């Protein structure tokens, strides 16, 4: 009798009505499809975007910034005269600007994958979610603040480049390398070339800021208009106060600075910002060997 009951139970377990089978089948397909989409969205798409941005390097011959030896950066090579187009822009940008006339420069950081074209739109929103081809893309494209101007003599003092911090390490994620003082000493100089001129910039600060009162006191580091030199130097002083590293790099009122801004995942709405001062004409040696981790930097 028990044997017959077991057979009946097995038969009941095997039975499944057609509707239930269809629902199960659809559920499995949806689950696999969703999983595949998420893998592509968070890993595949950013990596493809990274590869696409990097591919433009063959059209634009970017130059690697010189690394430092024992914290001392040397660059005694004279500047090269480069071919220019009729509008005064560098001929090396010709091909990529034919693809997208919004391209205004190129950012390169040694010993990272950050080696990208920089675009600029009429606002600070479009390229948050559009790639260099102006197609919707979650990774966006590194872009210059719309209030900045790369034209020589424009008077821009504070250049700001924004880029996403993807958790898979793409886009501006590797700015976190500057949390390591040894990395900083080996790579204190970065390159930001504009369509008009090539230039190098020495990093002097790595700080955190918030955009929300809920997670601290907001700091307007993206200020672009200044009443006078004192107002400009006040911003630089605030940037230094917040730096996680203390560096010997000096900044004067007639210097330009460059800020690379990305998300910081330490707290909601925080930003990680790398600040650099433009290498001055004739400045062939920069010594940052005395740089140390800062003691109690001002945090948001």
C-alpha atoms as a PDB file:
ATOM      1  CA  UNK A   1       0.000   0.000   0.000  1.00  0.00           C
ATOM      2  CA  UNK A   2       2.831   2.390   0.922  1.00  0.00           C
ATOM      3  CA  UNK A   3       4.523   1.535  -2.355  1.00  0.00           C
ATOM      4  CA  UNK A   4       1.436   2.540  -4.347  1.00  0.00           C
ATOM      5  CA  UNK A   5       1.195   5.846  -2.416  1.00  0.00           C
ATOM      6  CA  UNK A   6       4.809   6.700  -3.308  1.00  0.00           C
ATOM      7  CA  UNK A   7       4.102   6.056  -6.988  1.00  0.00           C
ATOM      8  CA  UNK A   8       1.077   8.339  -6.808  1.00  0.00           C
ATOM      9  CA  UNK A   9       3.151  11.123  -5.189  1.00  0.00           C
ATOM     10  CA  UNK A  10       5.844  10.836  -7.858  1.00  0.00           C
ATOM     11  CA  UNK A  11       3.226  11.066 -10.589  1.00  0.00           C
ATOM     12  CA  UNK A  12       1.708  14.135  -8.940  1.00  0.00           C
ATOM     13  CA  UNK A  13       5.124  15.804  -8.708  1.00  0.00           C
ATOM     14  CA  UNK A  14       5.775  15.225 -12.364  1.00  0.00           C
ATOM     15  CA  UNK A  15       2.497  16.755 -13.449  1.00  0.00           C
ATOM     16  CA  UNK A  16       2.507  20.467 -14.307  1.00  0.00           C
ATOM     17  CA  UNK A  17      -0.258  22.154 -16.200  1.00  0.00           C
ATOM     18  CA  UNK A  18       0.646  23.929 -19.502  1.00  0.00           C
ATOM     19  CA  UNK A  19       0.070  27.415 -18.101  1.00  0.00           C
ATOM     20  CA  UNK A  20       2.483  26.815 -15.203  1.00  0.00           C
ATOM     21  CA  UNK A  21       5.088  25.487 -17.608  1.00  0.00           C
ATOM     22  CA  UNK A  22       4.777  28.571 -19.793  1.00  0.00           C
ATOM     23  CA  UNK A  23       5.059  30.852 -16.756  1.00  0.00           C
ATOM     24  CA  UNK A  24       8.141  28.989 -15.521  1.00  0.00           C
ATOM     25  CA  UNK A  25       9.739  29.134 -18.967  1.00  0.00           C
ATOM     26  CA  UNK A  26       9.100  32.871 -19.290  1.00  0.00           C
ATOM     27  CA  UNK A  27      10.425  33.472 -15.756  1.00  0.00           C
ATOM     28  CA  UNK A  28      13.669  31.648 -16.555  1.00  0.00           C
ATOM     29  CA  UNK A  29      14.098  33.607 -19.807  1.00  0.00           C
ATOM     30  CA  UNK A  30      13.407  36.919 -18.036  1.00  0.00           C
ATOM     31  CA  UNK A  31      15.843  36.025 -15.238  1.00  0.00           C
ATOM     32  CA  UNK A  32      18.610  35.095 -17.652  1.00  0.00           C
ATOM     33  CA  UNK A  33      17.883  38.095 -19.856  1.00  0.00           C
ATOM     34  CA  UNK A  34      17.919  40.503 -16.905  1.00  0.00           C
ATOM     35  CA  UNK A  35      21.128  39.021 -15.594  1.00  0.00           C
ATOM     36  CA  UNK A  36      22.762  39.296 -18.997  1.00  0.00           C
ATOM     37  CA  UNK A  37      21.568  42.880 -19.411  1.00  0.00           C
ATOM     38  CA  UNK A  38      22.941  43.902 -16.008  1.00  0.00           C
ATOM     39  CA  UNK A  39      26.292  42.281 -16.740  1.00  0.00           C
ATOM     40  CA  UNK A  40      26.455  44.117 -20.062  1.00  0.00           C
ATOM     41  CA  UNK A  41      25.255  47.428 -18.582  1.00  0.00           C
ATOM     42  CA  UNK A  42      27.698  47.542 -15.700  1.00  0.00           C
ATOM     43  CA  UNK A  43      30.677  45.763 -17.208  1.00  0.00           C
ATOM     44  CA  UNK A  44      30.403  45.232 -20.957  1.00  0.00           C
ATOM     45  CA  UNK A  45      29.126  48.659 -22.028  1.00  0.00           C
ATOM     46  CA  UNK A  46      31.650  50.696 -19.969  1.00  0.00           C
ATOM     47  CA  UNK A  47      34.517  48.557 -21.216  1.00  0.00           C
ATOM     48  CA  UNK A  48      33.385  48.970 -24.819  1.00  0.00           C
ATOM     49  CA  UNK A  49      33.108  52.712 -24.270  1.00  0.00           C
ATOM     50  CA  UNK A  50      36.600  52.708 -22.757  1.00  0.00           C
ATOM     51  CA  UNK A  51      37.939  50.874 -25.804  1.00  0.00           C
ATOM     52  CA  UNK A  52      36.185  53.272 -28.166  1.00  0.00           C
ATOM     53  CA  UNK A  53      37.572  56.370 -26.449  1.00  0.00           C
ATOM     54  CA  UNK A  54      41.043  54.840 -26.401  1.00  0.00           C
ATOM     55  CA  UNK A  55      40.784  54.031 -30.102  1.00  0.00           C
ATOM     56  CA  UNK A  56      40.760  57.729 -30.963  1.00  0.00           C
ATOM     57  CA  UNK A  57      44.330  57.975 -29.732  1.00  0.00           C
ATOM     58  CA  UNK A  58      45.499  56.744 -33.132  1.00  0.00           C
ATOM     59  CA  UNK A  59      43.980  59.891 -34.635  1.00  0.00           C
ATOM     60  CA  UNK A  60      45.167  62.216 -31.912  1.00  0.00           C
ATOM     61  CA  UNK A  61      48.823  61.647 -31.047  1.00  0.00           C
ATOM     62  CA  UNK A  62      48.693  62.332 -27.304  1.00  0.00           C
ATOM     63  CA  UNK A  63      51.967  62.567 -25.439  1.00  0.00           C
ATOM     64  CA  UNK A  64      52.589  60.823 -22.147  1.00  0.00           C
ATOM     65  CA  UNK A  65      53.561  63.174 -19.311  1.00  0.00           C
ATOM     66  CA  UNK A  66      56.997  62.492 -17.887  1.00  0.00           C
ATOM     67  CA  UNK A  67      57.004  60.548 -14.627  1.00  0.00           C
ATOM     68  CA  UNK A  68      59.062  61.605 -11.625  1.00  0.00           C
ATOM     69  CA  UNK A  69      62.217  59.978 -10.278  1.00  0.00           C
ATOM     70  CA  UNK A  70      62.319  59.980  -6.460  1.00  0.00           C
ATOM     71  CA  UNK A  71      59.671  62.690  -6.458  1.00  0.00           C
ATOM     72  CA  UNK A  72      61.545  64.960  -8.857  1.00  0.00           C
ATOM     73  CA  UNK A  73      59.986  65.701 -12.244  1.00  0.00           C
ATOM     74  CA  UNK A  74      62.223  66.919 -15.035  1.00  0.00           C
ATOM     75  CA  UNK A  75      61.306  68.069 -18.485  1.00  0.00           C
ATOM     76  CA  UNK A  76      64.049  69.882 -20.316  1.00  0.00           C
ATOM     77  CA  UNK A  77      62.836  69.136 -23.832  1.00  0.00           C
ATOM     78  CA  UNK A  78      61.956  72.321 -25.748  1.00  0.00           C
ATOM     79  CA  UNK A  79      58.408  72.752 -26.983  1.00  0.00           C
ATOM     80  CA  UNK A  80      57.879  71.572 -30.536  1.00  0.00           C
ATOM     81  CA  UNK A  81      56.318  73.758 -33.187  1.00  0.00           C
ATOM     82  CA  UNK A  82      53.176  72.017 -34.411  1.00  0.00           C
ATOM     83  CA  UNK A  83      51.123  72.282 -37.565  1.00  0.00           C
ATOM     84  CA  UNK A  84      48.007  74.392 -37.174  1.00  0.00           C
ATOM     85  CA  UNK A  85      44.829  74.755 -39.176  1.00  0.00           C
ATOM     86  CA  UNK A  86      43.472  78.032 -40.503  1.00  0.00           C
ATOM     87  CA  UNK A  87      41.365  78.561 -37.369  1.00  0.00           C
ATOM     88  CA  UNK A  88      44.458  78.316 -35.175  1.00  0.00           C
ATOM     89  CA  UNK A  89      43.687  74.865 -33.753  1.00  0.00           C
ATOM     90  CA  UNK A  90      46.285  72.096 -33.660  1.00  0.00           C
ATOM     91  CA  UNK A  91      46.209  69.875 -36.741  1.00  0.00           C
ATOM     92  CA  UNK A  92      46.496  66.808 -34.480  1.00  0.00           C
ATOM     93  CA  UNK A  93      42.872  67.363 -33.422  1.00  0.00           C
ATOM     94  CA  UNK A  94      41.576  67.576 -37.005  1.00  0.00           C
ATOM     95  CA  UNK A  95      40.318  63.999 -37.391  1.00  0.00           C
ATOM     96  CA  UNK A  96      38.618  63.709 -34.034  1.00  0.00           C
ATOM     97  CA  UNK A  97      36.997  67.133 -34.363  1.00  0.00           C
ATOM     98  CA  UNK A  98      35.549  66.067 -37.700  1.00  0.00           C
ATOM     99  CA  UNK A  99      33.849  63.318 -35.717  1.00  0.00           C
ATOM    100  CA  UNK A 100      32.612  65.756 -33.063  1.00  0.00           C
ATOM    101  CA  UNK A 101      33.256  69.495 -33.119  1.00  0.00           C
ATOM    102  CA  UNK A 102      32.538  69.585 -29.353  1.00  0.00           C
ATOM    103  CA  UNK A 103      36.019  68.132 -28.712  1.00  0.00           C
ATOM    104  CA  UNK A 104      38.091  70.813 -26.964  1.00  0.00           C
ATOM    105  CA  UNK A 105      41.033  68.853 -25.593  1.00  0.00           C
ATOM    106  CA  UNK A 106      42.633  65.634 -24.405  1.00  0.00           C
ATOM    107  CA  UNK A 107      43.365  64.474 -20.835  1.00  0.00           C
ATOM    108  CA  UNK A 108      46.174  62.014 -20.027  1.00  0.00           C
ATOM    109  CA  UNK A 109      47.326  60.706 -16.632  1.00  0.00           C
ATOM    110  CA  UNK A 110      50.429  58.489 -16.574  1.00  0.00           C
ATOM    111  CA  UNK A 111      50.160  54.913 -15.314  1.00  0.00           C
ATOM    112  CA  UNK A 112      46.367  54.892 -15.605  1.00  0.00           C
ATOM    113  CA  UNK A 113      43.947  54.183 -18.439  1.00  0.00           C
ATOM    114  CA  UNK A 114      42.847  57.836 -18.365  1.00  0.00           C
ATOM    115  CA  UNK A 115      43.772  58.923 -21.885  1.00  0.00           C
ATOM    116  CA  UNK A 116      40.624  60.466 -23.326  1.00  0.00           C
ATOM    117  CA  UNK A 117      39.271  63.208 -25.542  1.00  0.00           C
ATOM    118  CA  UNK A 118      37.491  65.991 -23.639  1.00  0.00           C
ATOM    119  CA  UNK A 119      34.294  67.521 -24.977  1.00  0.00           C
ATOM    120  CA  UNK A 120      32.300  70.618 -24.068  1.00  0.00           C
ATOM    121  CA  UNK A 121      28.585  71.300 -24.496  1.00  0.00           C
ATOM    122  CA  UNK A 122      26.331  74.276 -23.860  1.00  0.00           C
ATOM    123  CA  UNK A 123      25.565  72.854 -20.403  1.00  0.00           C
ATOM    124  CA  UNK A 124      26.996  70.449 -17.817  1.00  0.00           C
ATOM    125  CA  UNK A 125      24.356  67.756 -18.402  1.00  0.00           C
ATOM    126  CA  UNK A 126      24.442  66.499 -21.982  1.00  0.00           C
ATOM    127  CA  UNK A 127      27.703  64.534 -21.787  1.00  0.00           C
ATOM    128  CA  UNK A 128      26.844  63.019 -18.434  1.00  0.00           C
ATOM    129  CA  UNK A 129      24.866  60.452 -20.414  1.00  0.00           C
ATOM    130  CA  UNK A 130      26.107  60.806 -23.994  1.00  0.00           C
ATOM    131  CA  UNK A 131      29.278  59.478 -25.571  1.00  0.00           C
ATOM    132  CA  UNK A 132      31.604  61.207 -28.000  1.00  0.00           C
ATOM    133  CA  UNK A 133      29.287  60.221 -30.863  1.00  0.00           C
ATOM    134  CA  UNK A 134      26.448  62.074 -29.076  1.00  0.00           C
ATOM    135  CA  UNK A 135      24.651  58.766 -28.533  1.00  0.00           C
ATOM    136  CA  UNK A 136      22.985  58.008 -25.208  1.00  0.00           C
ATOM    137  CA  UNK A 137      25.441  56.165 -23.013  1.00  0.00           C
ATOM    138  CA  UNK A 138      25.425  55.659 -19.254  1.00  0.00           C
ATOM    139  CA  UNK A 139      29.188  56.207 -18.981  1.00  0.00           C
ATOM    140  CA  UNK A 140      29.045  59.589 -20.684  1.00  0.00           C
ATOM    141  CA  UNK A 141      32.275  61.255 -21.774  1.00  0.00           C
ATOM    142  CA  UNK A 142      34.786  63.469 -19.897  1.00  0.00           C
ATOM    143  CA  UNK A 143      33.634  67.045 -20.431  1.00  0.00           C
ATOM    144  CA  UNK A 144      34.812  70.553 -19.676  1.00  0.00           C
ATOM    145  CA  UNK A 145      32.618  72.935 -17.688  1.00  0.00           C
ATOM    146  CA  UNK A 146      30.500  74.937 -20.128  1.00  0.00           C
ATOM    147  CA  UNK A 147      31.637  78.209 -18.515  1.00  0.00           C
ATOM    148  CA  UNK A 148      35.291  77.555 -19.329  1.00  0.00           C
ATOM    149  CA  UNK A 149      37.010  78.638 -22.532  1.00  0.00           C
ATOM    150  CA  UNK A 150      40.108  77.016 -23.990  1.00  0.00           C
ATOM    151  CA  UNK A 151      40.840  79.941 -26.294  1.00  0.00           C
ATOM    152  CA  UNK A 152      44.183  81.577 -25.442  1.00  0.00           C
ATOM    153  CA  UNK A 153      43.672  84.848 -23.622  1.00  0.00           C
ATOM    154  CA  UNK A 154      40.120  83.951 -22.567  1.00  0.00           C
ATOM    155  CA  UNK A 155      40.925  84.644 -18.925  1.00  0.00           C
ATOM    156  CA  UNK A 156      39.813  81.234 -17.658  1.00  0.00           C
ATOM    157  CA  UNK A 157      41.566  80.520 -14.371  1.00  0.00           C
ATOM    158  CA  UNK A 158      39.815  77.414 -13.096  1.00  0.00           C
ATOM    159  CA  UNK A 159      39.345  74.658 -15.694  1.00  0.00           C
ATOM    160  CA  UNK A 160      37.000  71.888 -14.517  1.00  0.00           C
ATOM    161  CA  UNK A 161      36.698  68.501 -16.206  1.00  0.00           C
ATOM    162  CA  UNK A 162      33.959  66.114 -15.080  1.00  0.00           C
ATOM    163  CA  UNK A 163      33.972  62.354 -15.558  1.00  0.00           C
ATOM    164  CA  UNK A 164      32.119  59.372 -14.143  1.00  0.00           C
ATOM    165  CA  UNK A 165      33.655  57.007 -11.606  1.00  0.00           C
ATOM    166  CA  UNK A 166      32.559  53.563 -12.765  1.00  0.00           C
ATOM    167  CA  UNK A 167      32.872  50.811 -10.191  1.00  0.00           C
ATOM    168  CA  UNK A 168      34.534  48.554 -12.762  1.00  0.00           C
ATOM    169  CA  UNK A 169      37.494  50.933 -12.912  1.00  0.00           C
ATOM    170  CA  UNK A 170      36.675  52.791 -16.122  1.00  0.00           C
ATOM    171  CA  UNK A 171      36.399  56.512 -16.894  1.00  0.00           C
ATOM    172  CA  UNK A 172      37.774  58.629 -13.977  1.00  0.00           C
ATOM    173  CA  UNK A 173      37.828  55.774 -11.455  1.00  0.00           C
ATOM    174  CA  UNK A 174      41.635  55.625 -11.382  1.00  0.00           C
ATOM    175  CA  UNK A 175      41.848  59.117  -9.922  1.00  0.00           C
ATOM    176  CA  UNK A 176      41.709  57.177  -6.650  1.00  0.00           C
ATOM    177  CA  UNK A 177      45.344  56.224  -7.326  1.00  0.00           C
ATOM    178  CA  UNK A 178      46.223  59.644  -5.931  1.00  0.00           C
ATOM    179  CA  UNK A 179      45.084  58.428  -2.504  1.00  0.00           C
ATOM    180  CA  UNK A 180      48.483  56.701  -2.452  1.00  0.00           C
ATOM    181  CA  UNK A 181      51.282  59.163  -1.663  1.00  0.00           C
ATOM    182  CA  UNK A 182      53.836  57.027  -3.503  1.00  0.00           C
ATOM    183  CA  UNK A 183      51.733  57.058  -6.660  1.00  0.00           C
ATOM    184  CA  UNK A 184      51.536  60.824  -6.377  1.00  0.00           C
ATOM    185  CA  UNK A 185      55.310  61.197  -6.045  1.00  0.00           C
ATOM    186  CA  UNK A 186      55.851  59.043  -9.127  1.00  0.00           C
ATOM    187  CA  UNK A 187      53.122  60.728 -11.194  1.00  0.00           C
ATOM    188  CA  UNK A 188      52.788  64.337 -10.034  1.00  0.00           C
ATOM    189  CA  UNK A 189      52.346  65.764 -13.537  1.00  0.00           C
ATOM    190  CA  UNK A 190      49.363  65.173 -15.804  1.00  0.00           C
ATOM    191  CA  UNK A 191      48.635  66.449 -19.305  1.00  0.00           C
ATOM    192  CA  UNK A 192      45.648  68.453 -20.491  1.00  0.00           C
ATOM    193  CA  UNK A 193      46.078  69.538 -24.081  1.00  0.00           C
ATOM    194  CA  UNK A 194      43.522  71.883 -25.604  1.00  0.00           C
ATOM    195  CA  UNK A 195      42.770  72.206 -29.282  1.00  0.00           C
ATOM    196  CA  UNK A 196      45.000  75.304 -29.247  1.00  0.00           C
ATOM    197  CA  UNK A 197      48.008  74.227 -27.175  1.00  0.00           C
ATOM    198  CA  UNK A 198      49.676  71.413 -25.278  1.00  0.00           C
ATOM    199  CA  UNK A 199      50.227  71.836 -21.560  1.00  0.00           C
ATOM    200  CA  UNK A 200      51.218  69.916 -18.445  1.00  0.00           C
ATOM    201  CA  UNK A 201      49.849  70.351 -14.949  1.00  0.00           C
ATOM    202  CA  UNK A 202      51.341  69.480 -11.562  1.00  0.00           C
ATOM    203  CA  UNK A 203      48.942  68.028  -8.986  1.00  0.00           C
ATOM    204  CA  UNK A 204      48.810  69.930  -5.703  1.00  0.00           C
ATOM    205  CA  UNK A 205      45.645  68.647  -4.025  1.00  0.00           C
ATOM    206  CA  UNK A 206      43.397  65.598  -3.705  1.00  0.00           C
ATOM    207  CA  UNK A 207      40.263  66.577  -1.823  1.00  0.00           C
ATOM    208  CA  UNK A 208      36.673  65.607  -1.072  1.00  0.00           C
ATOM    209  CA  UNK A 209      33.596  67.791  -1.399  1.00  0.00           C
ATOM    210  CA  UNK A 210      29.866  67.261  -1.095  1.00  0.00           C
ATOM    211  CA  UNK A 211      27.002  68.584  -3.170  1.00  0.00           C
ATOM    212  CA  UNK A 212      24.405  68.049  -0.435  1.00  0.00           C
ATOM    213  CA  UNK A 213      23.883  69.533   3.028  1.00  0.00           C
ATOM    214  CA  UNK A 214      22.722  66.062   4.096  1.00  0.00           C
ATOM    215  CA  UNK A 215      26.300  64.762   3.922  1.00  0.00           C
ATOM    216  CA  UNK A 216      28.296  67.791   5.021  1.00  0.00           C
ATOM    217  CA  UNK A 217      28.910  71.397   4.075  1.00  0.00           C
ATOM    218  CA  UNK A 218      28.931  71.988   0.311  1.00  0.00           C
ATOM    219  CA  UNK A 219      32.057  73.596  -1.124  1.00  0.00           C
ATOM    220  CA  UNK A 220      31.803  75.589  -4.353  1.00  0.00           C
ATOM    221  CA  UNK A 221      35.027  74.379  -5.931  1.00  0.00           C
ATOM    222  CA  UNK A 222      33.547  74.826  -9.409  1.00  0.00           C
ATOM    223  CA  UNK A 223      33.706  78.613  -9.092  1.00  0.00           C
ATOM    224  CA  UNK A 224      34.782  80.145 -12.397  1.00  0.00           C
ATOM    225  CA  UNK A 225      34.239  83.883 -11.875  1.00  0.00           C
ATOM    226  CA  UNK A 226      36.437  85.795  -9.440  1.00  0.00           C
ATOM    227  CA  UNK A 227      36.142  89.373  -8.199  1.00  0.00           C
ATOM    228  CA  UNK A 228      39.904  89.784  -7.999  1.00  0.00           C
ATOM    229  CA  UNK A 229      43.172  87.949  -7.330  1.00  0.00           C
ATOM    230  CA  UNK A 230      42.382  87.670  -3.617  1.00  0.00           C
ATOM    231  CA  UNK A 231      39.100  85.904  -4.398  1.00  0.00           C
ATOM    232  CA  UNK A 232      40.923  83.449  -6.659  1.00  0.00           C
ATOM    233  CA  UNK A 233      43.650  82.749  -4.097  1.00  0.00           C
ATOM    234  CA  UNK A 234      40.950  82.197  -1.470  1.00  0.00           C
ATOM    235  CA  UNK A 235      39.563  79.321  -3.564  1.00  0.00           C
ATOM    236  CA  UNK A 236      43.040  77.809  -3.883  1.00  0.00           C
ATOM    237  CA  UNK A 237      43.565  78.104  -0.132  1.00  0.00           C
ATOM    238  CA  UNK A 238      40.280  76.278   0.504  1.00  0.00           C
ATOM    239  CA  UNK A 239      41.317  73.534  -1.930  1.00  0.00           C
ATOM    240  CA  UNK A 240      44.624  73.094  -0.086  1.00  0.00           C
ATOM    241  CA  UNK A 241      42.920  72.953   3.328  1.00  0.00           C
ATOM    242  CA  UNK A 242      40.856  69.996   2.158  1.00  0.00           C
ATOM    243  CA  UNK A 243      43.683  68.077   0.510  1.00  0.00           C
ATOM    244  CA  UNK A 244      44.463  64.545   1.659  1.00  0.00           C
ATOM    245  CA  UNK A 245      48.063  65.194   0.651  1.00  0.00           C
ATOM    246  CA  UNK A 246      50.325  68.080   1.604  1.00  0.00           C
ATOM    247  CA  UNK A 247      52.522  69.114  -1.303  1.00  0.00           C
ATOM    248  CA  UNK A 248      55.203  71.776  -1.813  1.00  0.00           C
ATOM    249  CA  UNK A 249      53.577  73.014  -5.053  1.00  0.00           C
ATOM    250  CA  UNK A 250      53.037  76.780  -4.952  1.00  0.00           C
ATOM    251  CA  UNK A 251      50.259  78.633  -6.779  1.00  0.00           C
ATOM    252  CA  UNK A 252      50.278  82.333  -7.648  1.00  0.00           C
ATOM    253  CA  UNK A 253      47.443  84.612  -8.744  1.00  0.00           C
ATOM    254  CA  UNK A 254      48.537  84.459 -12.377  1.00  0.00           C
ATOM    255  CA  UNK A 255      48.582  80.644 -12.467  1.00  0.00           C
ATOM    256  CA  UNK A 256      45.793  78.559 -13.978  1.00  0.00           C
ATOM    257  CA  UNK A 257      44.435  75.495 -12.198  1.00  0.00           C
ATOM    258  CA  UNK A 258      42.752  72.337 -13.454  1.00  0.00           C
ATOM    259  CA  UNK A 259      40.215  70.326 -11.434  1.00  0.00           C
ATOM    260  CA  UNK A 260      39.256  66.748 -12.311  1.00  0.00           C
ATOM    261  CA  UNK A 261      35.955  66.000 -10.615  1.00  0.00           C
ATOM    262  CA  UNK A 262      34.328  62.591 -10.173  1.00  0.00           C
ATOM    263  CA  UNK A 263      32.058  60.747  -7.739  1.00  0.00           C
ATOM    264  CA  UNK A 264      33.462  59.508  -4.450  1.00  0.00           C
ATOM    265  CA  UNK A 265      31.737  56.509  -2.898  1.00  0.00           C
ATOM    266  CA  UNK A 266      32.794  57.205   0.681  1.00  0.00           C
ATOM    267  CA  UNK A 267      29.455  58.954   1.279  1.00  0.00           C
ATOM    268  CA  UNK A 268      26.396  59.859  -0.753  1.00  0.00           C
ATOM    269  CA  UNK A 269      26.822  62.935  -2.967  1.00  0.00           C
ATOM    270  CA  UNK A 270      30.548  63.213  -2.241  1.00  0.00           C
ATOM    271  CA  UNK A 271      33.016  64.165  -4.942  1.00  0.00           C
ATOM    272  CA  UNK A 272      36.679  63.333  -5.325  1.00  0.00           C
ATOM    273  CA  UNK A 273      38.641  66.148  -6.945  1.00  0.00           C
ATOM    274  CA  UNK A 274      42.231  66.203  -8.167  1.00  0.00           C
ATOM    275  CA  UNK A 275      43.592  69.759  -8.444  1.00  0.00           C
ATOM    276  CA  UNK A 276      46.624  70.690 -10.540  1.00  0.00           C
ATOM    277  CA  UNK A 277      48.470  73.883 -11.388  1.00  0.00           C
ATOM    278  CA  UNK A 278      49.628  74.537 -14.929  1.00  0.00           C
ATOM    279  CA  UNK A 279      53.370  74.005 -15.355  1.00  0.00           C
ATOM    280  CA  UNK A 280      54.840  77.444 -15.967  1.00  0.00           C
ATOM    281  CA  UNK A 281      56.863  78.423 -19.006  1.00  0.00           C
ATOM    282  CA  UNK A 282      60.485  77.599 -18.323  1.00  0.00           C
ATOM    283  CA  UNK A 283      59.620  75.403 -15.311  1.00  0.00           C
ATOM    284  CA  UNK A 284      61.615  72.300 -16.189  1.00  0.00           C
ATOM    285  CA  UNK A 285      62.010  70.814 -12.711  1.00  0.00           C
ATOM    286  CA  UNK A 286      59.400  70.188 -10.004  1.00  0.00           C
ATOM    287  CA  UNK A 287      60.319  68.498  -6.708  1.00  0.00           C
ATOM    288  CA  UNK A 288      57.446  66.887  -4.769  1.00  0.00           C
ATOM    289  CA  UNK A 289      59.609  64.446  -2.813  1.00  0.00           C
ATOM    290  CA  UNK A 290      58.642  66.169   0.461  1.00  0.00           C
ATOM    291  CA  UNK A 291      54.906  65.515  -0.064  1.00  0.00           C
ATOM    292  CA  UNK A 292      53.187  63.679   2.794  1.00  0.00           C
ATOM    293  CA  UNK A 293      49.707  62.568   3.768  1.00  0.00           C
ATOM    294  CA  UNK A 294      47.911  65.516   5.323  1.00  0.00           C
ATOM    295  CA  UNK A 295      47.228  65.766   9.054  1.00  0.00           C
ATOM    296  CA  UNK A 296      43.498  66.243   9.653  1.00  0.00           C
ATOM    297  CA  UNK A 297      42.444  67.770   6.300  1.00  0.00           C
ATOM    298  CA  UNK A 298      39.167  69.658   6.237  1.00  0.00           C
ATOM    299  CA  UNK A 299      36.458  67.191   5.200  1.00  0.00           C
ATOM    300  CA  UNK A 300      32.896  67.874   4.039  1.00  0.00           C
END
